Amino acid sequence: SIINLRHGLEALGHEVYIVAPATRGHKETDDHIIRVFAVDP
């Protein structure tokens, strides 16, 4: 749902940032995704 929402908003000309937990082993390459320190409980 979030992926589709982001694409829809960007198609309308908005600048969209995603603020989400960091995932171990995943290297973020999208400068509009902001990762937040996270743990695996």
Full PDB file with SEQRES, HELIX, SHEET, SSBOND, CRYST1, ORIGX, SCALE, CONECT and MASTER records, all heavy atoms in Angstrom:
SEQRES   1 A   41  SER ILE ILE ASN LEU ARG HIS GLY LEU GLU ALA LEU GLY          
SEQRES   2 A   41  HIS GLU VAL TYR ILE VAL ALA PRO ALA THR ARG GLY HIS          
SEQRES   3 A   41  LYS GLU THR ASP ASP HIS ILE ILE ARG VAL PHE ALA VAL          
SEQRES   4 A   41  ASP PRO                                                      
HELIX    1 AA1 ILE A    2  ALA A   11  1                                  10    
SHEET    1 AA1 2 ILE A  18  PRO A  21  0                                        
SHEET    2 AA1 2 ILE A  33  VAL A  36  1                                        
CRYST1    1.000    1.000    1.000  90.00  90.00  90.00 P 1           1          
ORIGX1      1.000000  0.000000  0.000000        0.00000                         
ORIGX2      0.000000  1.000000  0.000000        0.00000                         
ORIGX3      0.000000  0.000000  1.000000        0.00000                         
SCALE1      1.000000  0.000000  0.000000        0.00000                         
SCALE2      0.000000  1.000000  0.000000        0.00000                         
SCALE3      0.000000  0.000000  1.000000        0.00000                         
ATOM      1  N   SER A   1       0.828  -1.206   0.000  1.00  0.00           N  
ATOM      2  CA  SER A   1       0.000   0.000   0.000  1.00  0.00           C  
ATOM      3  C   SER A   1       0.863   1.258   0.000  1.00  0.00           C  
ATOM      4  O   SER A   1       0.589   2.221  -0.728  1.00  0.00           O  
ATOM      5  CB  SER A   1      -0.920  -0.005   1.223  1.00  0.00           C  
ATOM      6  OG  SER A   1      -1.593   1.220   1.366  1.00  0.00           O  
ATOM      7  N   ILE A   2       1.939   1.263   0.792  1.00  0.00           N  
ATOM      8  CA  ILE A   2       2.815   2.433   0.887  1.00  0.00           C  
ATOM      9  C   ILE A   2       3.552   2.663  -0.429  1.00  0.00           C  
ATOM     10  O   ILE A   2       3.699   3.805  -0.889  1.00  0.00           O  
ATOM     11  CB  ILE A   2       3.804   2.259   2.050  1.00  0.00           C  
ATOM     12  CG1 ILE A   2       3.042   2.257   3.378  1.00  0.00           C  
ATOM     13  CG2 ILE A   2       4.859   3.355   2.038  1.00  0.00           C  
ATOM     14  CD1 ILE A   2       3.881   1.800   4.547  1.00  0.00           C  
ATOM     15  N   ILE A   3       4.026   1.588  -1.053  1.00  0.00           N  
ATOM     16  CA  ILE A   3       4.707   1.708  -2.349  1.00  0.00           C  
ATOM     17  C   ILE A   3       3.785   2.352  -3.374  1.00  0.00           C  
ATOM     18  O   ILE A   3       4.166   3.284  -4.095  1.00  0.00           O  
ATOM     19  CB  ILE A   3       5.188   0.327  -2.831  1.00  0.00           C  
ATOM     20  CG1 ILE A   3       6.302  -0.200  -1.917  1.00  0.00           C  
ATOM     21  CG2 ILE A   3       5.678   0.404  -4.277  1.00  0.00           C  
ATOM     22  CD1 ILE A   3       6.671  -1.643  -2.180  1.00  0.00           C  
ATOM     23  N   ASN A   4       2.549   1.861  -3.438  1.00  0.00           N  
ATOM     24  CA  ASN A   4       1.588   2.413  -4.388  1.00  0.00           C  
ATOM     25  C   ASN A   4       1.242   3.869  -4.061  1.00  0.00           C  
ATOM     26  O   ASN A   4       1.087   4.704  -4.958  1.00  0.00           O  
ATOM     27  CB  ASN A   4       0.322   1.563  -4.410  1.00  0.00           C  
ATOM     28  CG  ASN A   4       0.540   0.196  -5.023  1.00  0.00           C  
ATOM     29  OD1 ASN A   4       1.444   0.014  -5.845  1.00  0.00           O  
ATOM     30  ND2 ASN A   4      -0.271  -0.777  -4.635  1.00  0.00           N  
ATOM     31  N   LEU A   5       1.125   4.160  -2.770  1.00  0.00           N  
ATOM     32  CA  LEU A   5       0.824   5.536  -2.354  1.00  0.00           C  
ATOM     33  C   LEU A   5       1.954   6.481  -2.756  1.00  0.00           C  
ATOM     34  O   LEU A   5       1.710   7.572  -3.281  1.00  0.00           O  
ATOM     35  CB  LEU A   5       0.614   5.581  -0.841  1.00  0.00           C  
ATOM     36  CG  LEU A   5       0.411   6.969  -0.217  1.00  0.00           C  
ATOM     37  CD1 LEU A   5      -0.834   7.626  -0.771  1.00  0.00           C  
ATOM     38  CD2 LEU A   5       0.336   6.860   1.312  1.00  0.00           C  
ATOM     39  N   ARG A   6       3.179   6.047  -2.509  1.00  0.00           N  
ATOM     40  CA  ARG A   6       4.325   6.888  -2.872  1.00  0.00           C  
ATOM     41  C   ARG A   6       4.344   7.167  -4.375  1.00  0.00           C  
ATOM     42  O   ARG A   6       4.499   8.326  -4.792  1.00  0.00           O  
ATOM     43  CB  ARG A   6       5.637   6.213  -2.458  1.00  0.00           C  
ATOM     44  CG  ARG A   6       6.869   7.012  -2.862  1.00  0.00           C  
ATOM     45  CD  ARG A   6       8.171   6.270  -2.603  1.00  0.00           C  
ATOM     46  NE  ARG A   6       9.308   7.093  -3.000  1.00  0.00           N  
ATOM     47  CZ  ARG A   6      10.569   6.705  -2.929  1.00  0.00           C  
ATOM     48  NH1 ARG A   6      10.884   5.500  -2.472  1.00  0.00           N  
ATOM     49  NH2 ARG A   6      11.541   7.515  -3.320  1.00  0.00           N  
ATOM     50  N   HIS A   7       4.179   6.133  -5.180  1.00  0.00           N  
ATOM     51  CA  HIS A   7       4.201   6.315  -6.635  1.00  0.00           C  
ATOM     52  C   HIS A   7       3.082   7.247  -7.084  1.00  0.00           C  
ATOM     53  O   HIS A   7       3.279   8.090  -7.973  1.00  0.00           O  
ATOM     54  CB  HIS A   7       4.073   4.961  -7.327  1.00  0.00           C  
ATOM     55  CG  HIS A   7       5.292   4.102  -7.167  1.00  0.00           C  
ATOM     56  ND1 HIS A   7       5.302   2.755  -7.451  1.00  0.00           N  
ATOM     57  CD2 HIS A   7       6.541   4.396  -6.727  1.00  0.00           C  
ATOM     58  CE1 HIS A   7       6.505   2.264  -7.203  1.00  0.00           C  
ATOM     59  NE2 HIS A   7       7.266   3.238  -6.768  1.00  0.00           N  
ATOM     60  N   GLY A   8       1.915   7.100  -6.481  1.00  0.00           N  
ATOM     61  CA  GLY A   8       0.787   7.961  -6.853  1.00  0.00           C  
ATOM     62  C   GLY A   8       1.026   9.416  -6.498  1.00  0.00           C  
ATOM     63  O   GLY A   8       0.733  10.321  -7.299  1.00  0.00           O  
ATOM     64  N   LEU A   9       1.562   9.655  -5.305  1.00  0.00           N  
ATOM     65  CA  LEU A   9       1.843  11.029  -4.886  1.00  0.00           C  
ATOM     66  C   LEU A   9       2.937  11.656  -5.743  1.00  0.00           C  
ATOM     67  O   LEU A   9       2.851  12.836  -6.109  1.00  0.00           O  
ATOM     68  CB  LEU A   9       2.250  11.047  -3.414  1.00  0.00           C  
ATOM     69  CG  LEU A   9       1.131  10.745  -2.405  1.00  0.00           C  
ATOM     70  CD1 LEU A   9       1.714  10.575  -1.006  1.00  0.00           C  
ATOM     71  CD2 LEU A   9       0.079  11.853  -2.410  1.00  0.00           C  
ATOM     72  N   GLU A  10       3.972  10.867  -6.057  1.00  0.00           N  
ATOM     73  CA  GLU A  10       5.050  11.390  -6.901  1.00  0.00           C  
ATOM     74  C   GLU A  10       4.550  11.697  -8.307  1.00  0.00           C  
ATOM     75  O   GLU A  10       5.000  12.665  -8.937  1.00  0.00           O  
ATOM     76  CB  GLU A  10       6.211  10.398  -6.926  1.00  0.00           C  
ATOM     77  CG  GLU A  10       6.965  10.342  -5.598  1.00  0.00           C  
ATOM     78  CD  GLU A  10       8.059   9.292  -5.582  1.00  0.00           C  
ATOM     79  OE1 GLU A  10       7.994   8.328  -6.385  1.00  0.00           O  
ATOM     80  OE2 GLU A  10       8.975   9.425  -4.748  1.00  0.00           O  
ATOM     81  N   ALA A  11       3.617  10.894  -8.801  1.00  0.00           N  
ATOM     82  CA  ALA A  11       3.055  11.149 -10.129  1.00  0.00           C  
ATOM     83  C   ALA A  11       2.277  12.465 -10.157  1.00  0.00           C  
ATOM     84  O   ALA A  11       2.134  13.090 -11.221  1.00  0.00           O  
ATOM     85  CB  ALA A  11       2.137   9.995 -10.540  1.00  0.00           C  
ATOM     86  N   LEU A  12       1.805  12.890  -8.993  1.00  0.00           N  
ATOM     87  CA  LEU A  12       1.082  14.162  -8.886  1.00  0.00           C  
ATOM     88  C   LEU A  12       2.025  15.337  -8.651  1.00  0.00           C  
ATOM     89  O   LEU A  12       1.581  16.473  -8.504  1.00  0.00           O  
ATOM     90  CB  LEU A  12       0.059  14.079  -7.752  1.00  0.00           C  
ATOM     91  CG  LEU A  12      -1.109  13.114  -7.971  1.00  0.00           C  
ATOM     92  CD1 LEU A  12      -1.943  12.997  -6.694  1.00  0.00           C  
ATOM     93  CD2 LEU A  12      -1.988  13.588  -9.133  1.00  0.00           C  
ATOM     94  N   GLY A  13       3.328  15.047  -8.568  1.00  0.00           N  
ATOM     95  CA  GLY A  13       4.311  16.116  -8.440  1.00  0.00           C  
ATOM     96  C   GLY A  13       4.819  16.374  -7.032  1.00  0.00           C  
ATOM     97  O   GLY A  13       5.578  17.329  -6.813  1.00  0.00           O  
ATOM     98  N   HIS A  14       4.424  15.535  -6.067  1.00  0.00           N  
ATOM     99  CA  HIS A  14       4.876  15.719  -4.687  1.00  0.00           C  
ATOM    100  C   HIS A  14       6.218  15.029  -4.466  1.00  0.00           C  
ATOM    101  O   HIS A  14       6.560  14.050  -5.150  1.00  0.00           O  
ATOM    102  CB  HIS A  14       3.845  15.156  -3.705  1.00  0.00           C  
ATOM    103  CG  HIS A  14       2.492  15.794  -3.826  1.00  0.00           C  
ATOM    104  ND1 HIS A  14       2.269  17.117  -3.509  1.00  0.00           N  
ATOM    105  CD2 HIS A  14       1.296  15.289  -4.255  1.00  0.00           C  
ATOM    106  CE1 HIS A  14       0.992  17.403  -3.717  1.00  0.00           C  
ATOM    107  NE2 HIS A  14       0.378  16.316  -4.174  1.00  0.00           N  
ATOM    108  N   GLU A  15       6.972  15.526  -3.503  1.00  0.00           N  
ATOM    109  CA  GLU A  15       8.228  14.898  -3.101  1.00  0.00           C  
ATOM    110  C   GLU A  15       7.944  14.061  -1.859  1.00  0.00           C  
ATOM    111  O   GLU A  15       7.477  14.592  -0.851  1.00  0.00           O  
ATOM    112  CB  GLU A  15       9.293  15.953  -2.794  1.00  0.00           C  
ATOM    113  CG  GLU A  15      10.655  15.356  -2.479  1.00  0.00           C  
ATOM    114  CD  GLU A  15      11.719  16.417  -2.249  1.00  0.00           C  
ATOM    115  OE1 GLU A  15      11.355  17.608  -2.069  1.00  0.00           O  
ATOM    116  OE2 GLU A  15      12.917  16.064  -2.241  1.00  0.00           O  
ATOM    117  N   VAL A  16       8.214  12.768  -1.935  1.00  0.00           N  
ATOM    118  CA  VAL A  16       7.828  11.844  -0.869  1.00  0.00           C  
ATOM    119  C   VAL A  16       9.055  11.187  -0.258  1.00  0.00           C  
ATOM    120  O   VAL A  16       9.916  10.654  -0.970  1.00  0.00           O  
ATOM    121  CB  VAL A  16       6.869  10.752  -1.411  1.00  0.00           C  
ATOM    122  CG1 VAL A  16       6.451   9.811  -0.282  1.00  0.00           C  
ATOM    123  CG2 VAL A  16       5.644  11.394  -2.054  1.00  0.00           C  
ATOM    124  N   TYR A  17       9.110  11.219   1.054  1.00  0.00           N  
ATOM    125  CA  TYR A  17      10.144  10.520   1.817  1.00  0.00           C  
ATOM    126  C   TYR A  17       9.493   9.398   2.617  1.00  0.00           C  
ATOM    127  O   TYR A  17       8.381   9.551   3.131  1.00  0.00           O  
ATOM    128  CB  TYR A  17      10.855  11.468   2.784  1.00  0.00           C  
ATOM    129  CG  TYR A  17      11.792  12.443   2.120  1.00  0.00           C  
ATOM    130  CD1 TYR A  17      11.310  13.635   1.575  1.00  0.00           C  
ATOM    131  CD2 TYR A  17      13.161  12.179   2.034  1.00  0.00           C  
ATOM    132  CE1 TYR A  17      12.164  14.543   0.966  1.00  0.00           C  
ATOM    133  CE2 TYR A  17      14.021  13.088   1.419  1.00  0.00           C  
ATOM    134  CZ  TYR A  17      13.518  14.258   0.891  1.00  0.00           C  
ATOM    135  OH  TYR A  17      14.366  15.148   0.283  1.00  0.00           O  
ATOM    136  N   ILE A  18      10.189   8.277   2.705  1.00  0.00           N  
ATOM    137  CA  ILE A  18       9.746   7.152   3.533  1.00  0.00           C  
ATOM    138  C   ILE A  18      10.678   7.076   4.732  1.00  0.00           C  
ATOM    139  O   ILE A  18      11.897   7.015   4.570  1.00  0.00           O  
ATOM    140  CB  ILE A  18       9.795   5.820   2.756  1.00  0.00           C  
ATOM    141  CG1 ILE A  18       9.014   5.913   1.444  1.00  0.00           C  
ATOM    142  CG2 ILE A  18       9.273   4.687   3.632  1.00  0.00           C  
ATOM    143  CD1 ILE A  18       7.527   6.106   1.601  1.00  0.00           C  
ATOM    144  N   VAL A  19      10.109   7.086   5.933  1.00  0.00           N  
ATOM    145  CA  VAL A  19      10.890   6.943   7.160  1.00  0.00           C  
ATOM    146  C   VAL A  19      10.550   5.572   7.742  1.00  0.00           C  
ATOM    147  O   VAL A  19       9.406   5.326   8.138  1.00  0.00           O  
ATOM    148  CB  VAL A  19      10.576   8.056   8.169  1.00  0.00           C  
ATOM    149  CG1 VAL A  19      11.524   7.975   9.364  1.00  0.00           C  
ATOM    150  CG2 VAL A  19      10.675   9.428   7.504  1.00  0.00           C  
ATOM    151  N   ALA A  20      11.541   4.675   7.740  1.00  0.00           N  
ATOM    152  CA  ALA A  20      11.276   3.276   8.055  1.00  0.00           C  
ATOM    153  C   ALA A  20      12.417   2.668   8.865  1.00  0.00           C  
ATOM    154  O   ALA A  20      13.533   3.197   8.871  1.00  0.00           O  
ATOM    155  CB  ALA A  20      11.075   2.489   6.758  1.00  0.00           C  
ATOM    156  N   PRO A  21      12.169   1.544   9.524  1.00  0.00           N  
ATOM    157  CA  PRO A  21      13.237   0.890  10.286  1.00  0.00           C  
ATOM    158  C   PRO A  21      14.352   0.368   9.389  1.00  0.00           C  
ATOM    159  O   PRO A  21      14.110  -0.043   8.247  1.00  0.00           O  
ATOM    160  CB  PRO A  21      12.507  -0.281  10.984  1.00  0.00           C  
ATOM    161  CG  PRO A  21      11.063   0.058  10.920  1.00  0.00           C  
ATOM    162  CD  PRO A  21      10.879   0.857   9.676  1.00  0.00           C  
ATOM    163  N   ALA A  22      15.570   0.397   9.910  1.00  0.00           N  
ATOM    164  CA  ALA A  22      16.692  -0.222   9.205  1.00  0.00           C  
ATOM    165  C   ALA A  22      16.562  -1.732   9.276  1.00  0.00           C  
ATOM    166  O   ALA A  22      16.037  -2.279  10.256  1.00  0.00           O  
ATOM    167  CB  ALA A  22      18.008   0.223   9.838  1.00  0.00           C  
ATOM    168  N   THR A  23      17.010  -2.415   8.235  1.00  0.00           N  
ATOM    169  CA  THR A  23      16.966  -3.868   8.184  1.00  0.00           C  
ATOM    170  C   THR A  23      18.382  -4.409   8.025  1.00  0.00           C  
ATOM    171  O   THR A  23      19.108  -3.983   7.118  1.00  0.00           O  
ATOM    172  CB  THR A  23      16.092  -4.351   7.003  1.00  0.00           C  
ATOM    173  OG1 THR A  23      14.770  -3.832   7.168  1.00  0.00           O  
ATOM    174  CG2 THR A  23      16.031  -5.867   6.959  1.00  0.00           C  
ATOM    175  N   ARG A  24      18.752  -5.310   8.891  1.00  0.00           N  
ATOM    176  CA  ARG A  24      20.114  -5.861   8.861  1.00  0.00           C  
ATOM    177  C   ARG A  24      20.411  -6.491   7.504  1.00  0.00           C  
ATOM    178  O   ARG A  24      19.605  -7.254   6.966  1.00  0.00           O  
ATOM    179  CB  ARG A  24      20.292  -6.896   9.969  1.00  0.00           C  
ATOM    180  CG  ARG A  24      21.689  -7.526  10.013  1.00  0.00           C  
ATOM    181  CD  ARG A  24      21.823  -8.499  11.152  1.00  0.00           C  
ATOM    182  NE  ARG A  24      21.720  -7.831  12.442  1.00  0.00           N  
ATOM    183  CZ  ARG A  24      21.834  -8.466  13.613  1.00  0.00           C  
ATOM    184  NH1 ARG A  24      22.032  -9.778  13.633  1.00  0.00           N  
ATOM    185  NH2 ARG A  24      21.733  -7.785  14.735  1.00  0.00           N  
ATOM    186  N   GLY A  25      21.559  -6.153   6.939  1.00  0.00           N  
ATOM    187  CA  GLY A  25      21.977  -6.721   5.667  1.00  0.00           C  
ATOM    188  C   GLY A  25      21.459  -5.975   4.451  1.00  0.00           C  
ATOM    189  O   GLY A  25      21.855  -6.287   3.323  1.00  0.00           O  
ATOM    190  N   HIS A  26      20.581  -5.003   4.675  1.00  0.00           N  
ATOM    191  CA  HIS A  26      20.023  -4.250   3.547  1.00  0.00           C  
ATOM    192  C   HIS A  26      20.724  -2.909   3.427  1.00  0.00           C  
ATOM    193  O   HIS A  26      20.723  -2.109   4.364  1.00  0.00           O  
ATOM    194  CB  HIS A  26      18.522  -4.032   3.736  1.00  0.00           C  
ATOM    195  CG  HIS A  26      17.895  -3.172   2.676  1.00  0.00           C  
ATOM    196  ND1 HIS A  26      17.694  -3.612   1.388  1.00  0.00           N  
ATOM    197  CD2 HIS A  26      17.439  -1.891   2.710  1.00  0.00           C  
ATOM    198  CE1 HIS A  26      17.132  -2.660   0.671  1.00  0.00           C  
ATOM    199  NE2 HIS A  26      16.972  -1.604   1.451  1.00  0.00           N  
ATOM    200  N   LYS A  27      21.338  -2.643   2.276  1.00  0.00           N  
ATOM    201  CA  LYS A  27      22.012  -1.381   2.038  1.00  0.00           C  
ATOM    202  C   LYS A  27      21.080  -0.465   1.256  1.00  0.00           C  
ATOM    203  O   LYS A  27      20.697  -0.763   0.131  1.00  0.00           O  
ATOM    204  CB  LYS A  27      23.313  -1.602   1.251  1.00  0.00           C  
ATOM    205  CG  LYS A  27      24.115  -0.328   1.050  1.00  0.00           C  
ATOM    206  CD  LYS A  27      25.433  -0.608   0.329  1.00  0.00           C  
ATOM    207  CE  LYS A  27      26.238   0.674   0.150  1.00  0.00           C  
ATOM    208  NZ  LYS A  27      27.527   0.417  -0.556  1.00  0.00           N  
ATOM    209  N   GLU A  28      20.725   0.662   1.868  1.00  0.00           N  
ATOM    210  CA  GLU A  28      19.767   1.565   1.242  1.00  0.00           C  
ATOM    211  C   GLU A  28      20.440   2.400   0.147  1.00  0.00           C  
ATOM    212  O   GLU A  28      21.506   2.980   0.354  1.00  0.00           O  
ATOM    213  CB  GLU A  28      19.155   2.495   2.297  1.00  0.00           C  
ATOM    214  CG  GLU A  28      17.978   3.301   1.797  1.00  0.00           C  
ATOM    215  CD  GLU A  28      16.898   2.392   1.236  1.00  0.00           C  
ATOM    216  OE1 GLU A  28      16.270   1.668   2.033  1.00  0.00           O  
ATOM    217  OE2 GLU A  28      16.723   2.383  -0.005  1.00  0.00           O  
ATOM    218  N   THR A  29      19.815   2.454  -1.027  1.00  0.00           N  
ATOM    219  CA  THR A  29      20.343   3.222  -2.157  1.00  0.00           C  
ATOM    220  C   THR A  29      19.407   4.365  -2.561  1.00  0.00           C  
ATOM    221  O   THR A  29      19.768   5.172  -3.408  1.00  0.00           O  
ATOM    222  CB  THR A  29      20.569   2.306  -3.365  1.00  0.00           C  
ATOM    223  OG1 THR A  29      19.328   1.665  -3.717  1.00  0.00           O  
ATOM    224  CG2 THR A  29      21.618   1.239  -3.052  1.00  0.00           C  
ATOM    225  N   ASP A  30      18.238   4.405  -1.973  1.00  0.00           N  
ATOM    226  CA  ASP A  30      17.244   5.436  -2.305  1.00  0.00           C  
ATOM    227  C   ASP A  30      17.413   6.602  -1.339  1.00  0.00           C  
ATOM    228  O   ASP A  30      17.214   6.450  -0.130  1.00  0.00           O  
ATOM    229  CB  ASP A  30      15.838   4.837  -2.187  1.00  0.00           C  
ATOM    230  CG  ASP A  30      14.749   5.783  -2.696  1.00  0.00           C  
ATOM    231  OD1 ASP A  30      14.948   7.009  -2.621  1.00  0.00           O  
ATOM    232  OD2 ASP A  30      13.692   5.280  -3.119  1.00  0.00           O  
ATOM    233  N   ASP A  31      17.757   7.780  -1.854  1.00  0.00           N  
ATOM    234  CA  ASP A  31      18.012   8.920  -0.971  1.00  0.00           C  
ATOM    235  C   ASP A  31      16.733   9.531  -0.397  1.00  0.00           C  
ATOM    236  O   ASP A  31      16.786  10.482   0.398  1.00  0.00           O  
ATOM    237  CB  ASP A  31      18.839   9.998  -1.684  1.00  0.00           C  
ATOM    238  CG  ASP A  31      18.136  10.580  -2.908  1.00  0.00           C  
ATOM    239  OD1 ASP A  31      16.984  10.193  -3.189  1.00  0.00           O  
ATOM    240  OD2 ASP A  31      18.743  11.438  -3.578  1.00  0.00           O  
ATOM    241  N   HIS A  32      15.588   9.002  -0.785  1.00  0.00           N  
ATOM    242  CA  HIS A  32      14.324   9.463  -0.219  1.00  0.00           C  
ATOM    243  C   HIS A  32      13.751   8.453   0.786  1.00  0.00           C  
ATOM    244  O   HIS A  32      12.584   8.548   1.164  1.00  0.00           O  
ATOM    245  CB  HIS A  32      13.313   9.761  -1.319  1.00  0.00           C  
ATOM    246  CG  HIS A  32      13.481  11.133  -1.914  1.00  0.00           C  
ATOM    247  ND1 HIS A  32      14.658  11.548  -2.491  1.00  0.00           N  
ATOM    248  CD2 HIS A  32      12.643  12.205  -1.988  1.00  0.00           C  
ATOM    249  CE1 HIS A  32      14.532  12.797  -2.911  1.00  0.00           C  
ATOM    250  NE2 HIS A  32      13.325  13.214  -2.613  1.00  0.00           N  
ATOM    251  N   ILE A  33      14.565   7.496   1.171  1.00  0.00           N  
ATOM    252  CA  ILE A  33      14.191   6.574   2.243  1.00  0.00           C  
ATOM    253  C   ILE A  33      15.142   6.803   3.409  1.00  0.00           C  
ATOM    254  O   ILE A  33      16.358   6.674   3.268  1.00  0.00           O  
ATOM    255  CB  ILE A  33      14.246   5.111   1.781  1.00  0.00           C  
ATOM    256  CG1 ILE A  33      13.224   4.869   0.663  1.00  0.00           C  
ATOM    257  CG2 ILE A  33      13.975   4.168   2.961  1.00  0.00           C  
ATOM    258  CD1 ILE A  33      13.231   3.458   0.114  1.00  0.00           C  
ATOM    259  N   ILE A  34      14.588   7.169   4.540  1.00  0.00           N  
ATOM    260  CA  ILE A  34      15.370   7.463   5.741  1.00  0.00           C  
ATOM    261  C   ILE A  34      15.208   6.302   6.701  1.00  0.00           C  
ATOM    262  O   ILE A  34      14.087   5.983   7.123  1.00  0.00           O  
ATOM    263  CB  ILE A  34      14.896   8.777   6.391  1.00  0.00           C  
ATOM    264  CG1 ILE A  34      15.035   9.932   5.391  1.00  0.00           C  
ATOM    265  CG2 ILE A  34      15.671   9.060   7.673  1.00  0.00           C  
ATOM    266  CD1 ILE A  34      14.327  11.193   5.828  1.00  0.00           C  
ATOM    267  N   ARG A  35      16.322   5.662   7.026  1.00  0.00           N  
ATOM    268  CA  ARG A  35      16.276   4.493   7.890  1.00  0.00           C  
ATOM    269  C   ARG A  35      16.546   4.881   9.345  1.00  0.00           C  
ATOM    270  O   ARG A  35      17.413   5.699   9.648  1.00  0.00           O  
ATOM    271  CB  ARG A  35      17.307   3.458   7.441  1.00  0.00           C  
ATOM    272  CG  ARG A  35      17.021   2.880   6.057  1.00  0.00           C  
ATOM    273  CD  ARG A  35      15.808   1.975   6.047  1.00  0.00           C  
ATOM    274  NE  ARG A  35      15.543   1.418   4.716  1.00  0.00           N  
ATOM    275  CZ  ARG A  35      14.628   0.483   4.459  1.00  0.00           C  
ATOM    276  NH1 ARG A  35      13.896   0.003   5.444  1.00  0.00           N  
ATOM    277  NH2 ARG A  35      14.446   0.044   3.229  1.00  0.00           N  
ATOM    278  N   VAL A  36      15.788   4.246  10.239  1.00  0.00           N  
ATOM    279  CA  VAL A  36      15.896   4.480  11.677  1.00  0.00           C  
ATOM    280  C   VAL A  36      16.434   3.218  12.337  1.00  0.00           C  
ATOM    281  O   VAL A  36      16.010   2.104  11.988  1.00  0.00           O  
ATOM    282  CB  VAL A  36      14.515   4.847  12.270  1.00  0.00           C  
ATOM    283  CG1 VAL A  36      14.603   5.039  13.782  1.00  0.00           C  
ATOM    284  CG2 VAL A  36      13.972   6.112  11.597  1.00  0.00           C  
ATOM    285  N   PHE A  37      17.360   3.385  13.251  1.00  0.00           N  
ATOM    286  CA  PHE A  37      17.928   2.244  13.962  1.00  0.00           C  
ATOM    287  C   PHE A  37      16.820   1.336  14.487  1.00  0.00           C  
ATOM    288  O   PHE A  37      15.816   1.800  15.032  1.00  0.00           O  
ATOM    289  CB  PHE A  37      18.795   2.713  15.129  1.00  0.00           C  
ATOM    290  CG  PHE A  37      19.291   1.596  16.010  1.00  0.00           C  
ATOM    291  CD1 PHE A  37      20.319   0.768  15.593  1.00  0.00           C  
ATOM    292  CD2 PHE A  37      18.703   1.376  17.250  1.00  0.00           C  
ATOM    293  CE1 PHE A  37      20.769  -0.269  16.402  1.00  0.00           C  
ATOM    294  CE2 PHE A  37      19.141   0.344  18.067  1.00  0.00           C  
ATOM    295  CZ  PHE A  37      20.174  -0.481  17.636  1.00  0.00           C  
ATOM    296  N   ALA A  38      17.015   0.013  14.320  1.00  0.00           N  
ATOM    297  CA  ALA A  38      15.985  -0.936  14.732  1.00  0.00           C  
ATOM    298  C   ALA A  38      16.630  -2.190  15.312  1.00  0.00           C  
ATOM    299  O   ALA A  38      17.797  -2.493  15.051  1.00  0.00           O  
ATOM    300  CB  ALA A  38      15.092  -1.303  13.551  1.00  0.00           C  
ATOM    301  N   VAL A  39      15.843  -2.895  16.101  1.00  0.00           N  
ATOM    302  CA  VAL A  39      16.281  -4.162  16.677  1.00  0.00           C  
ATOM    303  C   VAL A  39      15.256  -5.232  16.309  1.00  0.00           C  
ATOM    304  O   VAL A  39      14.128  -4.924  15.936  1.00  0.00           O  
ATOM    305  CB  VAL A  39      16.419  -4.078  18.213  1.00  0.00           C  
ATOM    306  CG1 VAL A  39      17.496  -3.073  18.605  1.00  0.00           C  
ATOM    307  CG2 VAL A  39      15.078  -3.705  18.855  1.00  0.00           C  
ATOM    308  N   ASP A  40      15.687  -6.475  16.412  1.00  0.00           N  
ATOM    309  CA  ASP A  40      14.788  -7.598  16.160  1.00  0.00           C  
ATOM    310  C   ASP A  40      14.418  -8.223  17.503  1.00  0.00           C  
ATOM    311  O   ASP A  40      15.206  -8.971  18.082  1.00  0.00           O  
ATOM    312  CB  ASP A  40      15.465  -8.637  15.261  1.00  0.00           C  
ATOM    313  CG  ASP A  40      14.517  -9.783  14.910  1.00  0.00           C  
ATOM    314  OD1 ASP A  40      13.369  -9.778  15.390  1.00  0.00           O  
ATOM    315  OD2 ASP A  40      14.946 -10.679  14.160  1.00  0.00           O  
ATOM    316  N   PRO A  41      13.234  -7.918  18.032  1.00  0.00           N  
ATOM    317  CA  PRO A  41      12.837  -8.481  19.333  1.00  0.00           C  
ATOM    318  C   PRO A  41      12.472  -9.954  19.274  1.00  0.00           C  
ATOM    319  O   PRO A  41      12.227 -10.583  20.298  1.00  0.00           O  
ATOM    320  CB  PRO A  41      11.632  -7.628  19.721  1.00  0.00           C  
ATOM    321  CG  PRO A  41      11.058  -7.198  18.410  1.00  0.00           C  
ATOM    322  CD  PRO A  41      12.218  -7.047  17.460  1.00  0.00           C  
TER     323      PRO A  41                                                      
MASTER        0    0    0    1    2    0    0    6  322    1    0    4          
END                                                                             
